[in-house]
Amino acid sequence: YSLPAAFGAQTAAPERRVILITGDG
């Protein structure tokens, strides 16, 4: 879930630093 959610979060807040932490699986 978190990888596409990071895309959405950065789209919503382009001025903020987005840090995504996800497992390889």
mmCIF file of all heavy atoms, coordinates in Angstrom:
data_MODEL
# 
_entry.id   MODEL 
# 
loop_
_atom_site.group_PDB 
_atom_site.id 
_atom_site.type_symbol 
_atom_site.label_atom_id 
_atom_site.label_alt_id 
_atom_site.label_comp_id 
_atom_site.label_asym_id 
_atom_site.label_entity_id 
_atom_site.label_seq_id 
_atom_site.pdbx_PDB_ins_code 
_atom_site.Cartn_x 
_atom_site.Cartn_y 
_atom_site.Cartn_z 
_atom_site.occupancy 
_atom_site.B_iso_or_equiv 
_atom_site.pdbx_formal_charge 
_atom_site.auth_seq_id 
_atom_site.auth_comp_id 
_atom_site.auth_asym_id 
_atom_site.auth_atom_id 
_atom_site.pdbx_PDB_model_num 
ATOM 1   N N   . TYR A 1 1  ? 0.821  -1.225 0.000  1.00 0.00 ? 1  TYR A N   1 
ATOM 2   C CA  . TYR A 1 1  ? 0.000  0.000  0.000  1.00 0.00 ? 1  TYR A CA  1 
ATOM 3   C C   . TYR A 1 1  ? 0.847  1.264  0.000  1.00 0.00 ? 1  TYR A C   1 
ATOM 4   O O   . TYR A 1 1  ? 0.507  2.264  -0.641 1.00 0.00 ? 1  TYR A O   1 
ATOM 5   C CB  . TYR A 1 1  ? -0.913 -0.028 1.230  1.00 0.00 ? 1  TYR A CB  1 
ATOM 6   C CG  . TYR A 1 1  ? -1.431 1.319  1.690  1.00 0.00 ? 1  TYR A CG  1 
ATOM 7   C CD1 . TYR A 1 1  ? -2.586 1.870  1.136  1.00 0.00 ? 1  TYR A CD1 1 
ATOM 8   C CD2 . TYR A 1 1  ? -0.781 2.028  2.699  1.00 0.00 ? 1  TYR A CD2 1 
ATOM 9   C CE1 . TYR A 1 1  ? -3.070 3.101  1.562  1.00 0.00 ? 1  TYR A CE1 1 
ATOM 10  C CE2 . TYR A 1 1  ? -1.255 3.256  3.130  1.00 0.00 ? 1  TYR A CE2 1 
ATOM 11  C CZ  . TYR A 1 1  ? -2.394 3.787  2.561  1.00 0.00 ? 1  TYR A CZ  1 
ATOM 12  O OH  . TYR A 1 1  ? -2.864 5.005  2.990  1.00 0.00 ? 1  TYR A OH  1 
ATOM 13  N N   . SER A 1 2  ? 1.956  1.245  0.733  1.00 0.00 ? 2  SER A N   1 
ATOM 14  C CA  . SER A 1 2  ? 2.639  2.506  1.022  1.00 0.00 ? 2  SER A CA  1 
ATOM 15  C C   . SER A 1 2  ? 3.334  3.120  -0.185 1.00 0.00 ? 2  SER A C   1 
ATOM 16  O O   . SER A 1 2  ? 3.512  4.338  -0.240 1.00 0.00 ? 2  SER A O   1 
ATOM 17  C CB  . SER A 1 2  ? 3.656  2.310  2.157  1.00 0.00 ? 2  SER A CB  1 
ATOM 18  O OG  . SER A 1 2  ? 4.686  1.435  1.746  1.00 0.00 ? 2  SER A OG  1 
ATOM 19  N N   . LEU A 1 3  ? 3.740  2.317  -1.169 1.00 0.00 ? 3  LEU A N   1 
ATOM 20  C CA  . LEU A 1 3  ? 4.464  2.890  -2.301 1.00 0.00 ? 3  LEU A CA  1 
ATOM 21  C C   . LEU A 1 3  ? 3.540  3.761  -3.161 1.00 0.00 ? 3  LEU A C   1 
ATOM 22  O O   . LEU A 1 3  ? 3.845  4.936  -3.409 1.00 0.00 ? 3  LEU A O   1 
ATOM 23  C CB  . LEU A 1 3  ? 5.147  1.801  -3.114 1.00 0.00 ? 3  LEU A CB  1 
ATOM 24  C CG  . LEU A 1 3  ? 6.347  2.252  -3.954 1.00 0.00 ? 3  LEU A CG  1 
ATOM 25  C CD1 . LEU A 1 3  ? 7.318  1.114  -4.190 1.00 0.00 ? 3  LEU A CD1 1 
ATOM 26  C CD2 . LEU A 1 3  ? 5.924  2.855  -5.287 1.00 0.00 ? 3  LEU A CD2 1 
ATOM 27  N N   . PRO A 1 4  ? 2.386  3.273  -3.619 1.00 0.00 ? 4  PRO A N   1 
ATOM 28  C CA  . PRO A 1 4  ? 1.471  4.181  -4.306 1.00 0.00 ? 4  PRO A CA  1 
ATOM 29  C C   . PRO A 1 4  ? 0.919  5.271  -3.393 1.00 0.00 ? 4  PRO A C   1 
ATOM 30  O O   . PRO A 1 4  ? 0.611  6.370  -3.850 1.00 0.00 ? 4  PRO A O   1 
ATOM 31  C CB  . PRO A 1 4  ? 0.364  3.262  -4.829 1.00 0.00 ? 4  PRO A CB  1 
ATOM 32  C CG  . PRO A 1 4  ? 0.486  2.003  -4.051 1.00 0.00 ? 4  PRO A CG  1 
ATOM 33  C CD  . PRO A 1 4  ? 1.918  1.877  -3.674 1.00 0.00 ? 4  PRO A CD  1 
ATOM 34  N N   . ALA A 1 5  ? 0.812  4.995  -2.088 1.00 0.00 ? 5  ALA A N   1 
ATOM 35  C CA  . ALA A 1 5  ? 0.367  6.036  -1.154 1.00 0.00 ? 5  ALA A CA  1 
ATOM 36  C C   . ALA A 1 5  ? 1.389  7.165  -1.083 1.00 0.00 ? 5  ALA A C   1 
ATOM 37  O O   . ALA A 1 5  ? 1.026  8.336  -0.930 1.00 0.00 ? 5  ALA A O   1 
ATOM 38  C CB  . ALA A 1 5  ? 0.140  5.445  0.238  1.00 0.00 ? 5  ALA A CB  1 
ATOM 39  N N   . ALA A 1 6  ? 2.674  6.833  -1.199 1.00 0.00 ? 6  ALA A N   1 
ATOM 40  C CA  . ALA A 1 6  ? 3.711  7.862  -1.208 1.00 0.00 ? 6  ALA A CA  1 
ATOM 41  C C   . ALA A 1 6  ? 3.583  8.746  -2.450 1.00 0.00 ? 6  ALA A C   1 
ATOM 42  O O   . ALA A 1 6  ? 3.814  9.960  -2.393 1.00 0.00 ? 6  ALA A O   1 
ATOM 43  C CB  . ALA A 1 6  ? 5.092  7.221  -1.155 1.00 0.00 ? 6  ALA A CB  1 
ATOM 44  N N   . PHE A 1 7  ? 3.224  8.122  -3.582 1.00 0.00 ? 7  PHE A N   1 
ATOM 45  C CA  . PHE A 1 7  ? 2.970  8.895  -4.807 1.00 0.00 ? 7  PHE A CA  1 
ATOM 46  C C   . PHE A 1 7  ? 1.824  9.880  -4.567 1.00 0.00 ? 7  PHE A C   1 
ATOM 47  O O   . PHE A 1 7  ? 1.902  11.067 -4.917 1.00 0.00 ? 7  PHE A O   1 
ATOM 48  C CB  . PHE A 1 7  ? 2.648  7.940  -5.959 1.00 0.00 ? 7  PHE A CB  1 
ATOM 49  C CG  . PHE A 1 7  ? 2.160  8.608  -7.216 1.00 0.00 ? 7  PHE A CG  1 
ATOM 50  C CD1 . PHE A 1 7  ? 2.893  9.620  -7.812 1.00 0.00 ? 7  PHE A CD1 1 
ATOM 51  C CD2 . PHE A 1 7  ? 0.969  8.217  -7.795 1.00 0.00 ? 7  PHE A CD2 1 
ATOM 52  C CE1 . PHE A 1 7  ? 2.434  10.240 -8.969 1.00 0.00 ? 7  PHE A CE1 1 
ATOM 53  C CE2 . PHE A 1 7  ? 0.502  8.821  -8.959 1.00 0.00 ? 7  PHE A CE2 1 
ATOM 54  C CZ  . PHE A 1 7  ? 1.242  9.840  -9.539 1.00 0.00 ? 7  PHE A CZ  1 
ATOM 55  N N   . GLY A 1 8  ? 0.755  9.394  -3.932 1.00 0.00 ? 8  GLY A N   1 
ATOM 56  C CA  . GLY A 1 8  ? -0.375 10.270 -3.630 1.00 0.00 ? 8  GLY A CA  1 
ATOM 57  C C   . GLY A 1 8  ? -0.013 11.359 -2.643 1.00 0.00 ? 8  GLY A C   1 
ATOM 58  O O   . GLY A 1 8  ? -0.429 12.514 -2.782 1.00 0.00 ? 8  GLY A O   1 
ATOM 59  N N   . ALA A 1 9  ? 0.774  11.001 -1.619 1.00 0.00 ? 9  ALA A N   1 
ATOM 60  C CA  . ALA A 1 9  ? 1.163  11.975 -0.602 1.00 0.00 ? 9  ALA A CA  1 
ATOM 61  C C   . ALA A 1 9  ? 2.025  13.080 -1.199 1.00 0.00 ? 9  ALA A C   1 
ATOM 62  O O   . ALA A 1 9  ? 1.842  14.268 -0.891 1.00 0.00 ? 9  ALA A O   1 
ATOM 63  C CB  . ALA A 1 9  ? 1.913  11.273 0.532  1.00 0.00 ? 9  ALA A CB  1 
ATOM 64  N N   . GLN A 1 10 ? 2.966  12.710 -2.064 1.00 0.00 ? 10 GLN A N   1 
ATOM 65  C CA  . GLN A 1 10 ? 3.831  13.713 -2.688 1.00 0.00 ? 10 GLN A CA  1 
ATOM 66  C C   . GLN A 1 10 ? 3.042  14.580 -3.664 1.00 0.00 ? 10 GLN A C   1 
ATOM 67  O O   . GLN A 1 10 ? 3.326  15.761 -3.826 1.00 0.00 ? 10 GLN A O   1 
ATOM 68  C CB  . GLN A 1 10 ? 4.992  13.033 -3.411 1.00 0.00 ? 10 GLN A CB  1 
ATOM 69  C CG  . GLN A 1 10 ? 6.058  13.991 -3.950 1.00 0.00 ? 10 GLN A CG  1 
ATOM 70  C CD  . GLN A 1 10 ? 7.018  14.467 -2.871 1.00 0.00 ? 10 GLN A CD  1 
ATOM 71  O OE1 . GLN A 1 10 ? 8.073  13.885 -2.658 1.00 0.00 ? 10 GLN A OE1 1 
ATOM 72  N NE2 . GLN A 1 10 ? 6.653  15.553 -2.189 1.00 0.00 ? 10 GLN A NE2 1 
ATOM 73  N N   . THR A 1 11 ? 2.033  13.984 -4.321 1.00 0.00 ? 11 THR A N   1 
ATOM 74  C CA  . THR A 1 11 ? 1.155  14.761 -5.200 1.00 0.00 ? 11 THR A CA  1 
ATOM 75  C C   . THR A 1 11 ? 0.386  15.802 -4.396 1.00 0.00 ? 11 THR A C   1 
ATOM 76  O O   . THR A 1 11 ? 0.232  16.957 -4.810 1.00 0.00 ? 11 THR A O   1 
ATOM 77  C CB  . THR A 1 11 ? 0.167  13.831 -5.936 1.00 0.00 ? 11 THR A CB  1 
ATOM 78  O OG1 . THR A 1 11 ? 0.906  12.880 -6.713 1.00 0.00 ? 11 THR A OG1 1 
ATOM 79  C CG2 . THR A 1 11 ? -0.755 14.615 -6.851 1.00 0.00 ? 11 THR A CG2 1 
ATOM 80  N N   . ALA A 1 12 ? -0.088 15.398 -3.218 1.00 0.00 ? 12 ALA A N   1 
ATOM 81  C CA  . ALA A 1 12 ? -0.866 16.302 -2.367 1.00 0.00 ? 12 ALA A CA  1 
ATOM 82  C C   . ALA A 1 12 ? -0.001 17.347 -1.686 1.00 0.00 ? 12 ALA A C   1 
ATOM 83  O O   . ALA A 1 12 ? -0.455 18.466 -1.426 1.00 0.00 ? 12 ALA A O   1 
ATOM 84  C CB  . ALA A 1 12 ? -1.626 15.491 -1.310 1.00 0.00 ? 12 ALA A CB  1 
ATOM 85  N N   . ALA A 1 13 ? 1.253  16.997 -1.377 1.00 0.00 ? 13 ALA A N   1 
ATOM 86  C CA  . ALA A 1 13 ? 2.129  17.908 -0.639 1.00 0.00 ? 13 ALA A CA  1 
ATOM 87  C C   . ALA A 1 13 ? 3.500  17.975 -1.314 1.00 0.00 ? 13 ALA A C   1 
ATOM 88  O O   . ALA A 1 13 ? 4.493  17.463 -0.782 1.00 0.00 ? 13 ALA A O   1 
ATOM 89  C CB  . ALA A 1 13 ? 2.261  17.441 0.810  1.00 0.00 ? 13 ALA A CB  1 
ATOM 90  N N   . PRO A 1 14 ? 3.584  18.591 -2.494 1.00 0.00 ? 14 PRO A N   1 
ATOM 91  C CA  . PRO A 1 14 ? 4.850  18.595 -3.238 1.00 0.00 ? 14 PRO A CA  1 
ATOM 92  C C   . PRO A 1 14 ? 5.970  19.339 -2.537 1.00 0.00 ? 14 PRO A C   1 
ATOM 93  O O   . PRO A 1 14 ? 7.153  19.116 -2.840 1.00 0.00 ? 14 PRO A O   1 
ATOM 94  C CB  . PRO A 1 14 ? 4.474  19.280 -4.563 1.00 0.00 ? 14 PRO A CB  1 
ATOM 95  C CG  . PRO A 1 14 ? 3.238  20.071 -4.258 1.00 0.00 ? 14 PRO A CG  1 
ATOM 96  C CD  . PRO A 1 14 ? 2.500  19.295 -3.222 1.00 0.00 ? 14 PRO A CD  1 
ATOM 97  N N   . GLU A 1 15 ? 5.625  20.212 -1.578 1.00 0.00 ? 15 GLU A N   1 
ATOM 98  C CA  . GLU A 1 15 ? 6.652  21.010 -0.903 1.00 0.00 ? 15 GLU A CA  1 
ATOM 99  C C   . GLU A 1 15 ? 7.294  20.270 0.275  1.00 0.00 ? 15 GLU A C   1 
ATOM 100 O O   . GLU A 1 15 ? 8.301  20.736 0.826  1.00 0.00 ? 15 GLU A O   1 
ATOM 101 C CB  . GLU A 1 15 ? 6.032  22.313 -0.404 1.00 0.00 ? 15 GLU A CB  1 
ATOM 102 C CG  . GLU A 1 15 ? 5.127  22.195 0.813  1.00 0.00 ? 15 GLU A CG  1 
ATOM 103 C CD  . GLU A 1 15 ? 3.763  21.538 0.553  1.00 0.00 ? 15 GLU A CD  1 
ATOM 104 O OE1 . GLU A 1 15 ? 3.434  21.261 -0.624 1.00 0.00 ? 15 GLU A OE1 1 
ATOM 105 O OE2 . GLU A 1 15 ? 3.025  21.284 1.538  1.00 0.00 ? 15 GLU A OE2 1 
ATOM 106 N N   . ARG A 1 16 ? 6.751  19.116 0.667  1.00 0.00 ? 16 ARG A N   1 
ATOM 107 C CA  . ARG A 1 16 ? 7.265  18.405 1.844  1.00 0.00 ? 16 ARG A CA  1 
ATOM 108 C C   . ARG A 1 16 ? 8.185  17.260 1.439  1.00 0.00 ? 16 ARG A C   1 
ATOM 109 O O   . ARG A 1 16 ? 8.070  16.714 0.340  1.00 0.00 ? 16 ARG A O   1 
ATOM 110 C CB  . ARG A 1 16 ? 6.096  17.864 2.676  1.00 0.00 ? 16 ARG A CB  1 
ATOM 111 C CG  . ARG A 1 16 ? 5.225  18.961 3.233  1.00 0.00 ? 16 ARG A CG  1 
ATOM 112 C CD  . ARG A 1 16 ? 4.013  18.423 3.969  1.00 0.00 ? 16 ARG A CD  1 
ATOM 113 N NE  . ARG A 1 16 ? 4.361  17.740 5.203  1.00 0.00 ? 16 ARG A NE  1 
ATOM 114 C CZ  . ARG A 1 16 ? 3.467  17.240 6.046  1.00 0.00 ? 16 ARG A CZ  1 
ATOM 115 N NH1 . ARG A 1 16 ? 2.173  17.379 5.787  1.00 0.00 ? 16 ARG A NH1 1 
ATOM 116 N NH2 . ARG A 1 16 ? 3.843  16.624 7.148  1.00 0.00 ? 16 ARG A NH2 1 
ATOM 117 N N   . ARG A 1 17 ? 9.102  16.920 2.336  1.00 0.00 ? 17 ARG A N   1 
ATOM 118 C CA  . ARG A 1 17 ? 9.958  15.766 2.095  1.00 0.00 ? 17 ARG A CA  1 
ATOM 119 C C   . ARG A 1 17 ? 9.188  14.503 2.448  1.00 0.00 ? 17 ARG A C   1 
ATOM 120 O O   . ARG A 1 17 ? 8.735  14.328 3.576  1.00 0.00 ? 17 ARG A O   1 
ATOM 121 C CB  . ARG A 1 17 ? 11.253 15.838 2.923  1.00 0.00 ? 17 ARG A CB  1 
ATOM 122 C CG  . ARG A 1 17 ? 12.210 14.691 2.608  1.00 0.00 ? 17 ARG A CG  1 
ATOM 123 C CD  . ARG A 1 17 ? 13.562 14.857 3.277  1.00 0.00 ? 17 ARG A CD  1 
ATOM 124 N NE  . ARG A 1 17 ? 13.514 14.642 4.715  1.00 0.00 ? 17 ARG A NE  1 
ATOM 125 C CZ  . ARG A 1 17 ? 14.577 14.316 5.466  1.00 0.00 ? 17 ARG A CZ  1 
ATOM 126 N NH1 . ARG A 1 17 ? 15.770 14.180 4.901  1.00 0.00 ? 17 ARG A NH1 1 
ATOM 127 N NH2 . ARG A 1 17 ? 14.455 14.163 6.772  1.00 0.00 ? 17 ARG A NH2 1 
ATOM 128 N N   . VAL A 1 18 ? 9.016  13.636 1.465  1.00 0.00 ? 18 VAL A N   1 
ATOM 129 C CA  . VAL A 1 18 ? 8.321  12.366 1.662  1.00 0.00 ? 18 VAL A CA  1 
ATOM 130 C C   . VAL A 1 18 ? 9.366  11.267 1.835  1.00 0.00 ? 18 VAL A C   1 
ATOM 131 O O   . VAL A 1 18 ? 10.257 11.106 0.991  1.00 0.00 ? 18 VAL A O   1 
ATOM 132 C CB  . VAL A 1 18 ? 7.400  12.050 0.467  1.00 0.00 ? 18 VAL A CB  1 
ATOM 133 C CG1 . VAL A 1 18 ? 6.873  10.617 0.547  1.00 0.00 ? 18 VAL A CG1 1 
ATOM 134 C CG2 . VAL A 1 18 ? 6.234  13.034 0.426  1.00 0.00 ? 18 VAL A CG2 1 
ATOM 135 N N   . ILE A 1 19 ? 9.261  10.525 2.935  1.00 0.00 ? 19 ILE A N   1 
ATOM 136 C CA  . ILE A 1 19 ? 10.161 9.411  3.214  1.00 0.00 ? 19 ILE A CA  1 
ATOM 137 C C   . ILE A 1 19 ? 9.330  8.135  3.257  1.00 0.00 ? 19 ILE A C   1 
ATOM 138 O O   . ILE A 1 19 ? 8.437  7.993  4.105  1.00 0.00 ? 19 ILE A O   1 
ATOM 139 C CB  . ILE A 1 19 ? 10.919 9.604  4.539  1.00 0.00 ? 19 ILE A CB  1 
ATOM 140 C CG1 . ILE A 1 19 ? 11.777 10.870 4.487  1.00 0.00 ? 19 ILE A CG1 1 
ATOM 141 C CG2 . ILE A 1 19 ? 11.790 8.385  4.849  1.00 0.00 ? 19 ILE A CG2 1 
ATOM 142 C CD1 . ILE A 1 19 ? 12.477 11.195 5.803  1.00 0.00 ? 19 ILE A CD1 1 
ATOM 143 N N   . LEU A 1 20 ? 9.595  7.238  2.336  1.00 0.00 ? 20 LEU A N   1 
ATOM 144 C CA  . LEU A 1 20 ? 8.887  5.963  2.270  1.00 0.00 ? 20 LEU A CA  1 
ATOM 145 C C   . LEU A 1 20 ? 9.802  4.850  2.781  1.00 0.00 ? 20 LEU A C   1 
ATOM 146 O O   . LEU A 1 20 ? 10.948 4.730  2.339  1.00 0.00 ? 20 LEU A O   1 
ATOM 147 C CB  . LEU A 1 20 ? 8.470  5.668  0.828  1.00 0.00 ? 20 LEU A CB  1 
ATOM 148 C CG  . LEU A 1 20 ? 8.045  4.228  0.513  1.00 0.00 ? 20 LEU A CG  1 
ATOM 149 C CD1 . LEU A 1 20 ? 6.773  3.861  1.267  1.00 0.00 ? 20 LEU A CD1 1 
ATOM 150 C CD2 . LEU A 1 20 ? 7.853  4.039  -0.988 1.00 0.00 ? 20 LEU A CD2 1 
ATOM 151 N N   . ILE A 1 21 ? 9.299  4.046  3.719  1.00 0.00 ? 21 ILE A N   1 
ATOM 152 C CA  . ILE A 1 21 ? 10.037 2.903  4.241  1.00 0.00 ? 21 ILE A CA  1 
ATOM 153 C C   . ILE A 1 21 ? 9.204  1.664  3.961  1.00 0.00 ? 21 ILE A C   1 
ATOM 154 O O   . ILE A 1 21 ? 8.088  1.516  4.471  1.00 0.00 ? 21 ILE A O   1 
ATOM 155 C CB  . ILE A 1 21 ? 10.318 3.044  5.753  1.00 0.00 ? 21 ILE A CB  1 
ATOM 156 C CG1 . ILE A 1 21 ? 10.972 4.397  6.057  1.00 0.00 ? 21 ILE A CG1 1 
ATOM 157 C CG2 . ILE A 1 21 ? 11.212 1.907  6.238  1.00 0.00 ? 21 ILE A CG2 1 
ATOM 158 C CD1 . ILE A 1 21 ? 11.116 4.700  7.536  1.00 0.00 ? 21 ILE A CD1 1 
ATOM 159 N N   . THR A 1 22 ? 9.725  0.774  3.132  1.00 0.00 ? 22 THR A N   1 
ATOM 160 C CA  . THR A 1 22 ? 8.947  -0.392 2.718  1.00 0.00 ? 22 THR A CA  1 
ATOM 161 C C   . THR A 1 22 ? 9.833  -1.625 2.659  1.00 0.00 ? 22 THR A C   1 
ATOM 162 O O   . THR A 1 22 ? 11.043 -1.521 2.414  1.00 0.00 ? 22 THR A O   1 
ATOM 163 C CB  . THR A 1 22 ? 8.292  -0.141 1.341  1.00 0.00 ? 22 THR A CB  1 
ATOM 164 O OG1 . THR A 1 22 ? 7.496  -1.282 0.989  1.00 0.00 ? 22 THR A OG1 1 
ATOM 165 C CG2 . THR A 1 22 ? 9.325  0.117  0.255  1.00 0.00 ? 22 THR A CG2 1 
ATOM 166 N N   . GLY A 1 23 ? 9.241  -2.777 2.888  1.00 0.00 ? 23 GLY A N   1 
ATOM 167 C CA  . GLY A 1 23 ? 9.971  -4.027 2.769  1.00 0.00 ? 23 GLY A CA  1 
ATOM 168 C C   . GLY A 1 23 ? 10.142 -4.433 1.319  1.00 0.00 ? 23 GLY A C   1 
ATOM 169 O O   . GLY A 1 23 ? 9.414  -3.967 0.428  1.00 0.00 ? 23 GLY A O   1 
ATOM 170 N N   . ASP A 1 24 ? 11.104 -5.323 1.072  1.00 0.00 ? 24 ASP A N   1 
ATOM 171 C CA  . ASP A 1 24 ? 11.340 -5.771 -0.301 1.00 0.00 ? 24 ASP A CA  1 
ATOM 172 C C   . ASP A 1 24 ? 10.153 -6.552 -0.852 1.00 0.00 ? 24 ASP A C   1 
ATOM 173 O O   . ASP A 1 24 ? 9.764  -6.384 -2.011 1.00 0.00 ? 24 ASP A O   1 
ATOM 174 C CB  . ASP A 1 24 ? 12.634 -6.596 -0.397 1.00 0.00 ? 24 ASP A CB  1 
ATOM 175 C CG  . ASP A 1 24 ? 12.724 -7.712 0.647  1.00 0.00 ? 24 ASP A CG  1 
ATOM 176 O OD1 . ASP A 1 24 ? 11.836 -7.803 1.530  1.00 0.00 ? 24 ASP A OD1 1 
ATOM 177 O OD2 . ASP A 1 24 ? 13.699 -8.481 0.594  1.00 0.00 ? 24 ASP A OD2 1 
ATOM 178 N N   . GLY A 1 25 ? 9.524  -7.379 -0.026 1.00 0.00 ? 25 GLY A N   1 
ATOM 179 C CA  . GLY A 1 25 ? 8.359  -8.130 -0.487 1.00 0.00 ? 25 GLY A CA  1 
ATOM 180 C C   . GLY A 1 25 ? 7.199  -7.217 -0.813 1.00 0.00 ? 25 GLY A C   1 
ATOM 181 O O   . GLY A 1 25 ? 6.527  -7.370 -1.845 1.00 0.00 ? 25 GLY A O   1 
# 
